[in-house]
């Protein structure tokens, strides 16, 4: 899973299809991501000291990562991400459309450095 928190993503399916927003949190075990302003539901809360008013609370629910597409910063299009090693041996994410780097995944290793 190459999507990280803080990435800009576009929702590909569902009621919020076409919405572009930022990833808040990623749950790797469940394969889901919490996206800002997407998949909002109402949670009915009883009056308490924490919620003295009570009523309906609107909150975001996680979306399956397969329904999200990374939006590249350089070409600003929704795209898939790939992983590659640079000449220095650093593993990085990259845009499959334009080939631009999308950040590091792992630090440099001598075994993957080109000589």
PDB file of N, CA and C in Angstrom:
ATOM      1  N   UNK A   1       0.856  -1.169   0.000  1.00  0.00           N
ATOM      2  CA  UNK A   1       0.000   0.000   0.000  1.00  0.00           C
ATOM      3  C   UNK A   1       0.904   1.234   0.000  1.00  0.00           C
ATOM      4  N   UNK A   2       0.796   2.026  -1.058  1.00  0.00           N
ATOM      5  CA  UNK A   2       1.706   3.156  -1.225  1.00  0.00           C
ATOM      6  C   UNK A   2       1.087   4.491  -0.830  1.00  0.00           C
ATOM      7  N   UNK A   3      -0.183   4.512  -0.468  1.00  0.00           N
ATOM      8  CA  UNK A   3      -0.808   5.768  -0.049  1.00  0.00           C
ATOM      9  C   UNK A   3      -0.483   6.018   1.419  1.00  0.00           C
ATOM     10  N   UNK A   4      -0.058   7.255   1.716  1.00  0.00           N
ATOM     11  CA  UNK A   4       0.311   7.632   3.077  1.00  0.00           C
ATOM     12  C   UNK A   4      -0.602   8.742   3.565  1.00  0.00           C
ATOM     13  N   UNK A   5      -0.564   9.005   4.876  1.00  0.00           N
ATOM     14  CA  UNK A   5      -1.334  10.129   5.398  1.00  0.00           C
ATOM     15  C   UNK A   5      -0.695  11.425   4.917  1.00  0.00           C
ATOM     16  N   UNK A   6      -1.548  12.390   4.586  1.00  0.00           N
ATOM     17  CA  UNK A   6      -1.072  13.664   4.046  1.00  0.00           C
ATOM     18  C   UNK A   6      -1.113  13.728   2.528  1.00  0.00           C
ATOM     19  N   UNK A   7      -1.313  12.594   1.851  1.00  0.00           N
ATOM     20  CA  UNK A   7      -1.400  12.578   0.384  1.00  0.00           C
ATOM     21  C   UNK A   7      -2.725  13.161  -0.080  1.00  0.00           C
ATOM     22  N   UNK A   8      -2.719  13.752  -1.261  1.00  0.00           N
ATOM     23  CA  UNK A   8      -3.961  14.165  -1.910  1.00  0.00           C
ATOM     24  C   UNK A   8      -4.444  13.003  -2.755  1.00  0.00           C
ATOM     25  N   UNK A   9      -5.716  12.638  -2.570  1.00  0.00           N
ATOM     26  CA  UNK A   9      -6.287  11.518  -3.308  1.00  0.00           C
ATOM     27  C   UNK A   9      -7.623  11.927  -3.911  1.00  0.00           C
ATOM     28  N   UNK A  10      -8.032  11.191  -4.940  1.00  0.00           N
ATOM     29  CA  UNK A  10      -9.340  11.390  -5.550  1.00  0.00           C
ATOM     30  C   UNK A  10     -10.144  10.116  -5.339  1.00  0.00           C
ATOM     31  N   UNK A  11     -11.410  10.287  -4.932  1.00  0.00           N
ATOM     32  CA  UNK A  11     -12.295   9.143  -4.711  1.00  0.00           C
ATOM     33  C   UNK A  11     -12.805   8.685  -6.073  1.00  0.00           C
ATOM     34  N   UNK A  12     -12.652   7.391  -6.364  1.00  0.00           N
ATOM     35  CA  UNK A  12     -12.994   6.862  -7.683  1.00  0.00           C
ATOM     36  C   UNK A  12     -14.403   6.261  -7.737  1.00  0.00           C
ATOM     37  N   UNK A  13     -14.923   5.760  -6.621  1.00  0.00           N
ATOM     38  CA  UNK A  13     -16.239   5.131  -6.610  1.00  0.00           C
ATOM     39  C   UNK A  13     -17.019   5.575  -5.389  1.00  0.00           C
ATOM     40  N   UNK A  14     -18.317   5.365  -5.425  1.00  0.00           N
ATOM     41  CA  UNK A  14     -19.160   5.660  -4.278  1.00  0.00           C
ATOM     42  C   UNK A  14     -19.879   6.987  -4.407  1.00  0.00           C
ATOM     43  N   UNK A  15     -20.524   7.396  -3.325  1.00  0.00           N
ATOM     44  CA  UNK A  15     -21.328   8.622  -3.329  1.00  0.00           C
ATOM     45  C   UNK A  15     -20.466   9.866  -3.490  1.00  0.00           C
ATOM     46  N   UNK A  16     -19.224   9.823  -3.042  1.00  0.00           N
ATOM     47  CA  UNK A  16     -18.330  10.978  -3.127  1.00  0.00           C
ATOM     48  C   UNK A  16     -17.380  10.896  -4.318  1.00  0.00           C
ATOM     49  N   UNK A  17     -17.778  10.184  -5.368  1.00  0.00           N
ATOM     50  CA  UNK A  17     -16.917   9.986  -6.534  1.00  0.00           C
ATOM     51  C   UNK A  17     -16.508  11.324  -7.134  1.00  0.00           C
ATOM     52  N   UNK A  18     -15.222  11.452  -7.448  1.00  0.00           N
ATOM     53  CA  UNK A  18     -14.695  12.670  -8.053  1.00  0.00           C
ATOM     54  C   UNK A  18     -14.164  13.677  -7.058  1.00  0.00           C
ATOM     55  N   UNK A  19     -14.402  13.457  -5.772  1.00  0.00           N
ATOM     56  CA  UNK A  19     -13.935  14.379  -4.743  1.00  0.00           C
ATOM     57  C   UNK A  19     -12.437  14.215  -4.534  1.00  0.00           C
ATOM     58  N   UNK A  20     -11.718  15.339  -4.507  1.00  0.00           N
ATOM     59  CA  UNK A  20     -10.289  15.326  -4.229  1.00  0.00           C
ATOM     60  C   UNK A  20     -10.079  15.902  -2.840  1.00  0.00           C
ATOM     61  N   UNK A  21      -9.351  15.155  -2.000  1.00  0.00           N
ATOM     62  CA  UNK A  21      -9.139  15.593  -0.626  1.00  0.00           C
ATOM     63  C   UNK A  21      -7.854  14.977  -0.075  1.00  0.00           C
ATOM     64  N   UNK A  22      -7.561  15.274   1.190  1.00  0.00           N
ATOM     65  CA  UNK A  22      -6.328  14.852   1.844  1.00  0.00           C
ATOM     66  C   UNK A  22      -6.596  13.650   2.747  1.00  0.00           C
ATOM     67  N   UNK A  23      -5.638  12.729   2.802  1.00  0.00           N
ATOM     68  CA  UNK A  23      -5.736  11.549   3.661  1.00  0.00           C
ATOM     69  C   UNK A  23      -5.333  11.941   5.074  1.00  0.00           C
ATOM     70  N   UNK A  24      -6.186  11.609   6.046  1.00  0.00           N
ATOM     71  CA  UNK A  24      -5.914  11.928   7.445  1.00  0.00           C
ATOM     72  C   UNK A  24      -5.147  10.791   8.118  1.00  0.00           C
ATOM     73  N   UNK A  25      -5.623   9.554   7.920  1.00  0.00           N
ATOM     74  CA  UNK A  25      -5.030   8.405   8.601  1.00  0.00           C
ATOM     75  C   UNK A  25      -5.176   7.176   7.710  1.00  0.00           C
ATOM     76  N   UNK A  26      -4.217   6.247   7.787  1.00  0.00           N
ATOM     77  CA  UNK A  26      -4.252   5.011   7.004  1.00  0.00           C
ATOM     78  C   UNK A  26      -4.198   3.820   7.957  1.00  0.00           C
ATOM     79  N   UNK A  27      -5.124   2.876   7.777  1.00  0.00           N
ATOM     80  CA  UNK A  27      -5.139   1.629   8.544  1.00  0.00           C
ATOM     81  C   UNK A  27      -4.663   0.521   7.612  1.00  0.00           C
ATOM     82  N   UNK A  28      -3.394   0.156   7.723  1.00  0.00           N
ATOM     83  CA  UNK A  28      -2.800  -0.812   6.803  1.00  0.00           C
ATOM     84  C   UNK A  28      -3.370  -2.214   6.982  1.00  0.00           C
ATOM     85  N   UNK A  29      -3.690  -2.589   8.198  1.00  0.00           N
ATOM     86  CA  UNK A  29      -4.216  -3.934   8.458  1.00  0.00           C
ATOM     87  C   UNK A  29      -5.574  -4.136   7.798  1.00  0.00           C
ATOM     88  N   UNK A  30      -6.426  -3.119   7.840  1.00  0.00           N
ATOM     89  CA  UNK A  30      -7.769  -3.216   7.250  1.00  0.00           C
ATOM     90  C   UNK A  30      -7.783  -2.779   5.791  1.00  0.00           C
ATOM     91  N   UNK A  31      -6.713  -2.122   5.319  1.00  0.00           N
ATOM     92  CA  UNK A  31      -6.667  -1.646   3.938  1.00  0.00           C
ATOM     93  C   UNK A  31      -7.585  -0.465   3.699  1.00  0.00           C
ATOM     94  N   UNK A  32      -7.728   0.388   4.726  1.00  0.00           N
ATOM     95  CA  UNK A  32      -8.641   1.528   4.623  1.00  0.00           C
ATOM     96  C   UNK A  32      -7.923   2.822   4.963  1.00  0.00           C
ATOM     97  N   UNK A  33      -8.489   3.930   4.469  1.00  0.00           N
ATOM     98  CA  UNK A  33      -7.930   5.253   4.733  1.00  0.00           C
ATOM     99  C   UNK A  33      -9.054   6.196   5.121  1.00  0.00           C
ATOM    100  N   UNK A  34      -8.757   7.087   6.044  1.00  0.00           N
ATOM    101  CA  UNK A  34      -9.702   8.111   6.467  1.00  0.00           C
ATOM    102  C   UNK A  34      -9.392   9.369   5.662  1.00  0.00           C
ATOM    103  N   UNK A  35     -10.352   9.800   4.838  1.00  0.00           N
ATOM    104  CA  UNK A  35     -10.146  10.934   3.939  1.00  0.00           C
ATOM    105  C   UNK A  35     -11.000  12.097   4.424  1.00  0.00           C
ATOM    106  N   UNK A  36     -10.411  13.282   4.408  1.00  0.00           N
ATOM    107  CA  UNK A  36     -11.053  14.494   4.915  1.00  0.00           C
ATOM    108  C   UNK A  36     -12.312  14.838   4.121  1.00  0.00           C
ATOM    109  N   UNK A  37     -13.461  14.884   4.795  1.00  0.00           N
ATOM    110  CA  UNK A  37     -14.711  15.298   4.176  1.00  0.00           C
ATOM    111  C   UNK A  37     -15.378  14.262   3.291  1.00  0.00           C
ATOM    112  N   UNK A  38     -14.925  13.026   3.312  1.00  0.00           N
ATOM    113  CA  UNK A  38     -15.455  11.974   2.442  1.00  0.00           C
ATOM    114  C   UNK A  38     -16.087  10.883   3.305  1.00  0.00           C
ATOM    115  N   UNK A  39     -17.180  10.275   2.816  1.00  0.00           N
ATOM    116  CA  UNK A  39     -17.880   9.178   3.476  1.00  0.00           C
ATOM    117  C   UNK A  39     -18.363   9.600   4.865  1.00  0.00           C
ATOM    118  N   UNK A  40     -19.054  10.735   4.914  1.00  0.00           N
ATOM    119  CA  UNK A  40     -19.572  11.254   6.181  1.00  0.00           C
ATOM    120  C   UNK A  40     -20.839  10.517   6.581  1.00  0.00           C
ATOM    121  N   UNK A  41     -20.942  10.201   7.880  1.00  0.00           N
ATOM    122  CA  UNK A  41     -22.114   9.533   8.428  1.00  0.00           C
ATOM    123  C   UNK A  41     -22.546  10.287   9.678  1.00  0.00           C
ATOM    124  N   UNK A  42     -23.785  10.044  10.109  1.00  0.00           N
ATOM    125  CA  UNK A  42     -24.279  10.637  11.345  1.00  0.00           C
ATOM    126  C   UNK A  42     -24.175   9.614  12.460  1.00  0.00           C
ATOM    127  N   UNK A  43     -23.603  10.026  13.583  1.00  0.00           N
ATOM    128  CA  UNK A  43     -23.571   9.197  14.776  1.00  0.00           C
ATOM    129  C   UNK A  43     -24.496   9.866  15.783  1.00  0.00           C
ATOM    130  N   UNK A  44     -25.480   9.126  16.252  1.00  0.00           N
ATOM    131  CA  UNK A  44     -26.428   9.668  17.215  1.00  0.00           C
ATOM    132  C   UNK A  44     -25.843   9.514  18.612  1.00  0.00           C
ATOM    133  N   UNK A  45     -25.705  10.657  19.301  1.00  0.00           N
ATOM    134  CA  UNK A  45     -25.104  10.633  20.630  1.00  0.00           C
ATOM    135  C   UNK A  45     -26.111  11.092  21.676  1.00  0.00           C
ATOM    136  N   UNK A  46     -26.080  10.431  22.805  1.00  0.00           N
ATOM    137  CA  UNK A  46     -26.935  10.769  23.932  1.00  0.00           C
ATOM    138  C   UNK A  46     -26.318  11.945  24.687  1.00  0.00           C
ATOM    139  N   UNK A  47     -27.134  12.707  25.373  1.00  0.00           N
ATOM    140  CA  UNK A  47     -26.611  13.818  26.166  1.00  0.00           C
ATOM    141  C   UNK A  47     -25.701  13.294  27.268  1.00  0.00           C
ATOM    142  N   UNK A  48     -24.563  13.954  27.442  1.00  0.00           N
ATOM    143  CA  UNK A  48     -23.616  13.583  28.482  1.00  0.00           C
ATOM    144  C   UNK A  48     -22.804  14.827  28.827  1.00  0.00           C
ATOM    145  N   UNK A  49     -21.853  14.677  29.734  1.00  0.00           N
ATOM    146  CA  UNK A  49     -21.010  15.827  30.061  1.00  0.00           C
ATOM    147  C   UNK A  49     -20.117  16.195  28.888  1.00  0.00           C
ATOM    148  N   UNK A  50     -19.695  15.187  28.129  1.00  0.00           N
ATOM    149  CA  UNK A  50     -18.850  15.446  26.961  1.00  0.00           C
ATOM    150  C   UNK A  50     -19.663  16.108  25.847  1.00  0.00           C
ATOM    151  N   UNK A  51     -20.878  15.643  25.623  1.00  0.00           N
ATOM    152  CA  UNK A  51     -21.782  16.205  24.612  1.00  0.00           C
ATOM    153  C   UNK A  51     -23.061  16.666  25.316  1.00  0.00           C
ATOM    154  N   UNK A  52     -23.050  17.875  25.906  1.00  0.00           N
ATOM    155  CA  UNK A  52     -24.227  18.310  26.663  1.00  0.00           C
ATOM    156  C   UNK A  52     -25.460  18.528  25.789  1.00  0.00           C
ATOM    157  N   UNK A  53     -25.258  18.825  24.516  1.00  0.00           N
ATOM    158  CA  UNK A  53     -26.391  19.050  23.614  1.00  0.00           C
ATOM    159  C   UNK A  53     -26.993  17.726  23.145  1.00  0.00           C
ATOM    160  N   UNK A  54     -26.125  16.726  22.884  1.00  0.00           N
ATOM    161  CA  UNK A  54     -26.609  15.465  22.323  1.00  0.00           C
ATOM    162  C   UNK A  54     -26.949  15.658  20.859  1.00  0.00           C
ATOM    163  N   UNK A  55     -27.666  14.726  20.257  1.00  0.00           N
ATOM    164  CA  UNK A  55     -28.115  14.866  18.875  1.00  0.00           C
ATOM    165  C   UNK A  55     -27.291  14.068  17.897  1.00  0.00           C
ATOM    166  N   UNK A  56     -27.198  14.590  16.665  1.00  0.00           N
ATOM    167  CA  UNK A  56     -26.495  13.878  15.593  1.00  0.00           C
ATOM    168  C   UNK A  56     -25.132  14.504  15.366  1.00  0.00           C
ATOM    169  N   UNK A  57     -24.109  13.682  15.388  1.00  0.00           N
ATOM    170  CA  UNK A  57     -22.741  14.111  15.199  1.00  0.00           C
ATOM    171  C   UNK A  57     -22.282  13.607  13.830  1.00  0.00           C
ATOM    172  N   UNK A  58     -21.815  14.477  12.957  1.00  0.00           N
ATOM    173  CA  UNK A  58     -21.345  14.085  11.630  1.00  0.00           C
ATOM    174  C   UNK A  58     -19.854  13.756  11.711  1.00  0.00           C
ATOM    175  N   UNK A  59     -19.481  12.568  11.225  1.00  0.00           N
ATOM    176  CA  UNK A  59     -18.079  12.169  11.259  1.00  0.00           C
ATOM    177  C   UNK A  59     -17.726  11.408   9.995  1.00  0.00           C
ATOM    178  N   UNK A  60     -16.418  11.350   9.701  1.00  0.00           N
ATOM    179  CA  UNK A  60     -15.931  10.634   8.528  1.00  0.00           C
ATOM    180  C   UNK A  60     -15.667   9.178   8.882  1.00  0.00           C
ATOM    181  N   UNK A  61     -15.947   8.304   7.935  1.00  0.00           N
ATOM    182  CA  UNK A  61     -15.661   6.886   8.106  1.00  0.00           C
ATOM    183  C   UNK A  61     -14.597   6.474   7.086  1.00  0.00           C
ATOM    184  N   UNK A  62     -13.835   5.406   7.382  1.00  0.00           N
ATOM    185  CA  UNK A  62     -12.775   4.985   6.473  1.00  0.00           C
ATOM    186  C   UNK A  62     -13.307   4.500   5.119  1.00  0.00           C
ATOM    187  N   UNK A  63     -12.478   4.694   4.091  1.00  0.00           N
ATOM    188  CA  UNK A  63     -12.777   4.277   2.722  1.00  0.00           C
ATOM    189  C   UNK A  63     -11.732   3.230   2.332  1.00  0.00           C
ATOM    190  N   UNK A  64     -12.131   2.230   1.562  1.00  0.00           N
ATOM    191  CA  UNK A  64     -11.187   1.233   1.092  1.00  0.00           C
ATOM    192  C   UNK A  64     -10.161   1.905   0.171  1.00  0.00           C
ATOM    193  N   UNK A  65      -8.881   1.540   0.342  1.00  0.00           N
ATOM    194  CA  UNK A  65      -7.808   2.175  -0.416  1.00  0.00           C
ATOM    195  C   UNK A  65      -7.933   1.886  -1.909  1.00  0.00           C
ATOM    196  N   UNK A  66      -8.573   0.780  -2.265  1.00  0.00           N
ATOM    197  CA  UNK A  66      -8.735   0.456  -3.683  1.00  0.00           C
ATOM    198  C   UNK A  66      -9.674   1.438  -4.386  1.00  0.00           C
ATOM    199  N   UNK A  67     -10.465   2.182  -3.616  1.00  0.00           N
ATOM    200  CA  UNK A  67     -11.379   3.165  -4.193  1.00  0.00           C
ATOM    201  C   UNK A  67     -10.779   4.557  -4.267  1.00  0.00           C
ATOM    202  N   UNK A  68      -9.488   4.681  -3.993  1.00  0.00           N
ATOM    203  CA  UNK A  68      -8.806   5.972  -4.014  1.00  0.00           C
ATOM    204  C   UNK A  68      -7.704   5.958  -5.059  1.00  0.00           C
ATOM    205  N   UNK A  69      -7.468   7.121  -5.670  1.00  0.00           N
ATOM    206  CA  UNK A  69      -6.362   7.273  -6.608  1.00  0.00           C
ATOM    207  C   UNK A  69      -5.512   8.450  -6.157  1.00  0.00           C
ATOM    208  N   UNK A  70      -4.215   8.259  -6.097  1.00  0.00           N
ATOM    209  CA  UNK A  70      -3.271   9.303  -5.713  1.00  0.00           C
ATOM    210  C   UNK A  70      -3.282  10.407  -6.757  1.00  0.00           C
ATOM    211  N   UNK A  71      -3.287  11.669  -6.313  1.00  0.00           N
ATOM    212  CA  UNK A  71      -3.232  12.811  -7.232  1.00  0.00           C
ATOM    213  C   UNK A  71      -1.807  13.337  -7.201  1.00  0.00           C
ATOM    214  N   UNK A  72      -1.139  13.266  -8.356  1.00  0.00           N
ATOM    215  CA  UNK A  72       0.262  13.671  -8.488  1.00  0.00           C
ATOM    216  C   UNK A  72       0.381  15.187  -8.344  1.00  0.00           C
ATOM    217  N   UNK A  73       1.432  15.633  -7.646  1.00  0.00           N
ATOM    218  CA  UNK A  73       1.651  17.066  -7.465  1.00  0.00           C
ATOM    219  C   UNK A  73       2.137  17.735  -8.754  1.00  0.00           C
ATOM    220  N   UNK A  74       2.947  17.044  -9.541  1.00  0.00           N
ATOM    221  CA  UNK A  74       3.520  17.672 -10.733  1.00  0.00           C
ATOM    222  C   UNK A  74       2.559  17.686 -11.926  1.00  0.00           C
ATOM    223  N   UNK A  75       1.848  16.588 -12.187  1.00  0.00           N
ATOM    224  CA  UNK A  75       0.926  16.568 -13.336  1.00  0.00           C
ATOM    225  C   UNK A  75      -0.526  16.793 -12.921  1.00  0.00           C
ATOM    226  N   UNK A  76      -0.798  16.853 -11.621  1.00  0.00           N
ATOM    227  CA  UNK A  76      -2.137  17.047 -11.021  1.00  0.00           C
ATOM    228  C   UNK A  76      -3.228  16.189 -11.642  1.00  0.00           C
ATOM    229  N   UNK A  77      -2.917  14.918 -11.867  1.00  0.00           N
ATOM    230  CA  UNK A  77      -3.887  13.952 -12.373  1.00  0.00           C
ATOM    231  C   UNK A  77      -3.944  12.775 -11.418  1.00  0.00           C
ATOM    232  N   UNK A  78      -5.120  12.127 -11.304  1.00  0.00           N
ATOM    233  CA  UNK A  78      -5.175  10.903 -10.493  1.00  0.00           C
ATOM    234  C   UNK A  78      -4.410   9.790 -11.204  1.00  0.00           C
ATOM    235  N   UNK A  79      -3.567   9.105 -10.468  1.00  0.00           N
ATOM    236  CA  UNK A  79      -2.690   8.115 -11.069  1.00  0.00           C
ATOM    237  C   UNK A  79      -2.389   6.988 -10.083  1.00  0.00           C
ATOM    238  N   UNK A  80      -1.795   5.933 -10.600  1.00  0.00           N
ATOM    239  CA  UNK A  80      -1.302   4.862  -9.746  1.00  0.00           C
ATOM    240  C   UNK A  80       0.121   5.219  -9.305  1.00  0.00           C
ATOM    241  N   UNK A  81       0.550   4.604  -8.225  1.00  0.00           N
ATOM    242  CA  UNK A  81       1.900   4.811  -7.724  1.00  0.00           C
ATOM    243  C   UNK A  81       2.719   3.555  -7.938  1.00  0.00           C
ATOM    244  N   UNK A  82       3.998   3.748  -8.193  1.00  0.00           N
ATOM    245  CA  UNK A  82       4.926   2.639  -8.304  1.00  0.00           C
ATOM    246  C   UNK A  82       6.055   2.842  -7.323  1.00  0.00           C
ATOM    247  N   UNK A  83       6.882   1.825  -7.145  1.00  0.00           N
ATOM    248  CA  UNK A  83       8.049   1.904  -6.268  1.00  0.00           C
ATOM    249  C   UNK A  83       9.281   1.575  -7.083  1.00  0.00           C
ATOM    250  N   UNK A  84      10.337   2.336  -6.847  1.00  0.00           N
ATOM    251  CA  UNK A  84      11.595   2.088  -7.569  1.00  0.00           C
ATOM    252  C   UNK A  84      12.765   2.493  -6.681  1.00  0.00           C
ATOM    253  N   UNK A  85      13.946   2.061  -7.082  1.00  0.00           N
ATOM    254  CA  UNK A  85      15.172   2.441  -6.390  1.00  0.00           C
ATOM    255  C   UNK A  85      15.887   3.497  -7.219  1.00  0.00           C
ATOM    256  N   UNK A  86      16.379   4.531  -6.541  1.00  0.00           N
ATOM    257  CA  UNK A  86      17.160   5.566  -7.237  1.00  0.00           C
ATOM    258  C   UNK A  86      18.592   5.070  -7.391  1.00  0.00           C
ATOM    259  N   UNK A  87      19.422   5.878  -8.034  1.00  0.00           N
ATOM    260  CA  UNK A  87      20.829   5.508  -8.218  1.00  0.00           C
ATOM    261  C   UNK A  87      21.565   5.418  -6.885  1.00  0.00           C
ATOM    262  N   UNK A  88      21.108   6.173  -5.893  1.00  0.00           N
ATOM    263  CA  UNK A  88      21.745   6.154  -4.570  1.00  0.00           C
ATOM    264  C   UNK A  88      21.267   4.971  -3.720  1.00  0.00           C
ATOM    265  N   UNK A  89      20.256   4.225  -4.179  1.00  0.00           N
ATOM    266  CA  UNK A  89      19.754   3.074  -3.442  1.00  0.00           C
ATOM    267  C   UNK A  89      18.579   3.389  -2.533  1.00  0.00           C
ATOM    268  N   UNK A  90      18.002   4.581  -2.695  1.00  0.00           N
ATOM    269  CA  UNK A  90      16.839   4.983  -1.896  1.00  0.00           C
ATOM    270  C   UNK A  90      15.582   4.480  -2.586  1.00  0.00           C
ATOM    271  N   UNK A  91      14.679   3.844  -1.827  1.00  0.00           N
ATOM    272  CA  UNK A  91      13.408   3.382  -2.384  1.00  0.00           C
ATOM    273  C   UNK A  91      12.421   4.539  -2.328  1.00  0.00           C
ATOM    274  N   UNK A  92      11.770   4.825  -3.467  1.00  0.00           N
ATOM    275  CA  UNK A  92      10.855   5.960  -3.543  1.00  0.00           C
ATOM    276  C   UNK A  92       9.570   5.581  -4.263  1.00  0.00           C
ATOM    277  N   UNK A  93       8.511   6.358  -3.991  1.00  0.00           N
ATOM    278  CA  UNK A  93       7.256   6.231  -4.728  1.00  0.00           C
ATOM    279  C   UNK A  93       7.345   7.149  -5.946  1.00  0.00           C
ATOM    280  N   UNK A  94       6.687   6.739  -7.049  1.00  0.00           N
ATOM    281  CA  UNK A  94       6.700   7.606  -8.222  1.00  0.00           C
ATOM    282  C   UNK A  94       5.377   7.513  -8.964  1.00  0.00           C
ATOM    283  N   UNK A  95       5.056   8.588  -9.677  1.00  0.00           N
ATOM    284  CA  UNK A  95       3.837   8.683 -10.477  1.00  0.00           C
ATOM    285  C   UNK A  95       4.009   7.847 -11.735  1.00  0.00           C
ATOM    286  N   UNK A  96       3.025   6.998 -12.037  1.00  0.00           N
ATOM    287  CA  UNK A  96       3.108   6.140 -13.220  1.00  0.00           C
ATOM    288  C   UNK A  96       2.840   6.914 -14.511  1.00  0.00           C
ATOM    289  N   UNK A  97       2.196   8.103 -14.423  1.00  0.00           N
ATOM    290  CA  UNK A  97       1.907   8.872 -15.627  1.00  0.00           C
ATOM    291  C   UNK A  97       3.079   9.733 -16.061  1.00  0.00           C
ATOM    292  N   UNK A  98       3.658  10.497 -15.112  1.00  0.00           N
ATOM    293  CA  UNK A  98       4.720  11.430 -15.506  1.00  0.00           C
ATOM    294  C   UNK A  98       6.099  11.007 -15.007  1.00  0.00           C
ATOM    295  N   UNK A  99       6.164  10.034 -14.104  1.00  0.00           N
ATOM    296  CA  UNK A  99       7.449   9.544 -13.611  1.00  0.00           C
ATOM    297  C   UNK A  99       8.055  10.378 -12.501  1.00  0.00           C
ATOM    298  N   UNK A 100       7.342  11.374 -11.993  1.00  0.00           N
ATOM    299  CA  UNK A 100       7.874  12.237 -10.936  1.00  0.00           C
ATOM    300  C   UNK A 100       7.896  11.507  -9.604  1.00  0.00           C
ATOM    301  N   UNK A 101       8.842  11.855  -8.772  1.00  0.00           N
ATOM    302  CA  UNK A 101       8.968  11.243  -7.451  1.00  0.00           C
ATOM    303  C   UNK A 101       7.866  11.760  -6.536  1.00  0.00           C
ATOM    304  N   UNK A 102       7.357  10.859  -5.667  1.00  0.00           N
ATOM    305  CA  UNK A 102       6.308  11.233  -4.712  1.00  0.00           C
ATOM    306  C   UNK A 102       6.776  11.038  -3.282  1.00  0.00           C
ATOM    307  N   UNK A 103       8.077  10.956  -3.061  1.00  0.00           N
ATOM    308  CA  UNK A 103       8.614  10.833  -1.711  1.00  0.00           C
ATOM    309  C   UNK A 103       9.288   9.507  -1.462  1.00  0.00           C
ATOM    310  N   UNK A 104      10.108   9.487  -0.406  1.00  0.00           N
ATOM    311  CA  UNK A 104      10.856   8.293  -0.030  1.00  0.00           C
ATOM    312  C   UNK A 104       9.984   7.286   0.702  1.00  0.00           C
ATOM    313  N   UNK A 105      10.309   5.997   0.526  1.00  0.00           N
ATOM    314  CA  UNK A 105       9.678   4.932   1.297  1.00  0.00           C
ATOM    315  C   UNK A 105      10.676   4.396   2.315  1.00  0.00           C
ATOM    316  N   UNK A 106      11.918   4.147   1.868  1.00  0.00           N
ATOM    317  CA  UNK A 106      12.941   3.565   2.729  1.00  0.00           C
ATOM    318  C   UNK A 106      14.271   4.269   2.497  1.00  0.00           C
ATOM    319  N   UNK A 107      15.126   4.298   3.524  1.00  0.00           N
ATOM    320  CA  UNK A 107      16.434   4.948   3.358  1.00  0.00           C
ATOM    321  C   UNK A 107      17.344   4.157   2.418  1.00  0.00           C
ATOM    322  N   UNK A 108      18.471   4.743   2.099  1.00  0.00           N
ATOM    323  CA  UNK A 108      19.401   4.152   1.151  1.00  0.00           C
ATOM    324  C   UNK A 108      20.004   2.855   1.672  1.00  0.00           C
ATOM    325  N   UNK A 109      20.153   1.883   0.746  1.00  0.00           N
ATOM    326  CA  UNK A 109      20.828   0.624   1.047  1.00  0.00           C
ATOM    327  C   UNK A 109      21.926   0.441   0.006  1.00  0.00           C
ATOM    328  N   UNK A 110      23.066  -0.016   0.473  1.00  0.00           N
ATOM    329  CA  UNK A 110      24.208  -0.185  -0.429  1.00  0.00           C
ATOM    330  C   UNK A 110      23.953  -1.269  -1.463  1.00  0.00           C
ATOM    331  N   UNK A 111      23.132  -2.266  -1.132  1.00  0.00           N
ATOM    332  CA  UNK A 111      22.855  -3.368  -2.051  1.00  0.00           C
ATOM    333  C   UNK A 111      22.063  -2.905  -3.271  1.00  0.00           C
ATOM    334  N   UNK A 112      21.278  -1.854  -3.135  1.00  0.00           N
ATOM    335  CA  UNK A 112      20.459  -1.379  -4.240  1.00  0.00           C
ATOM    336  C   UNK A 112      21.050  -0.185  -4.974  1.00  0.00           C
ATOM    337  N   UNK A 113      22.188   0.311  -4.521  1.00  0.00           N
ATOM    338  CA  UNK A 113      22.834   1.453  -5.168  1.00  0.00           C
ATOM    339  C   UNK A 113      23.506   0.997  -6.457  1.00  0.00           C
ATOM    340  N   UNK A 114      23.401   1.826  -7.491  1.00  0.00           N
ATOM    341  CA  UNK A 114      24.065   1.517  -8.763  1.00  0.00           C
ATOM    342  C   UNK A 114      25.505   1.972  -8.688  1.00  0.00           C
ATOM    343  N   UNK A 115      26.360   1.141  -9.204  1.00  0.00           N
ATOM    344  CA  UNK A 115      27.798   1.416  -9.086  1.00  0.00           C
ATOM    345  C   UNK A 115      28.336   2.212 -10.218  1.00  0.00           C
TER     346      UNK A 115
END
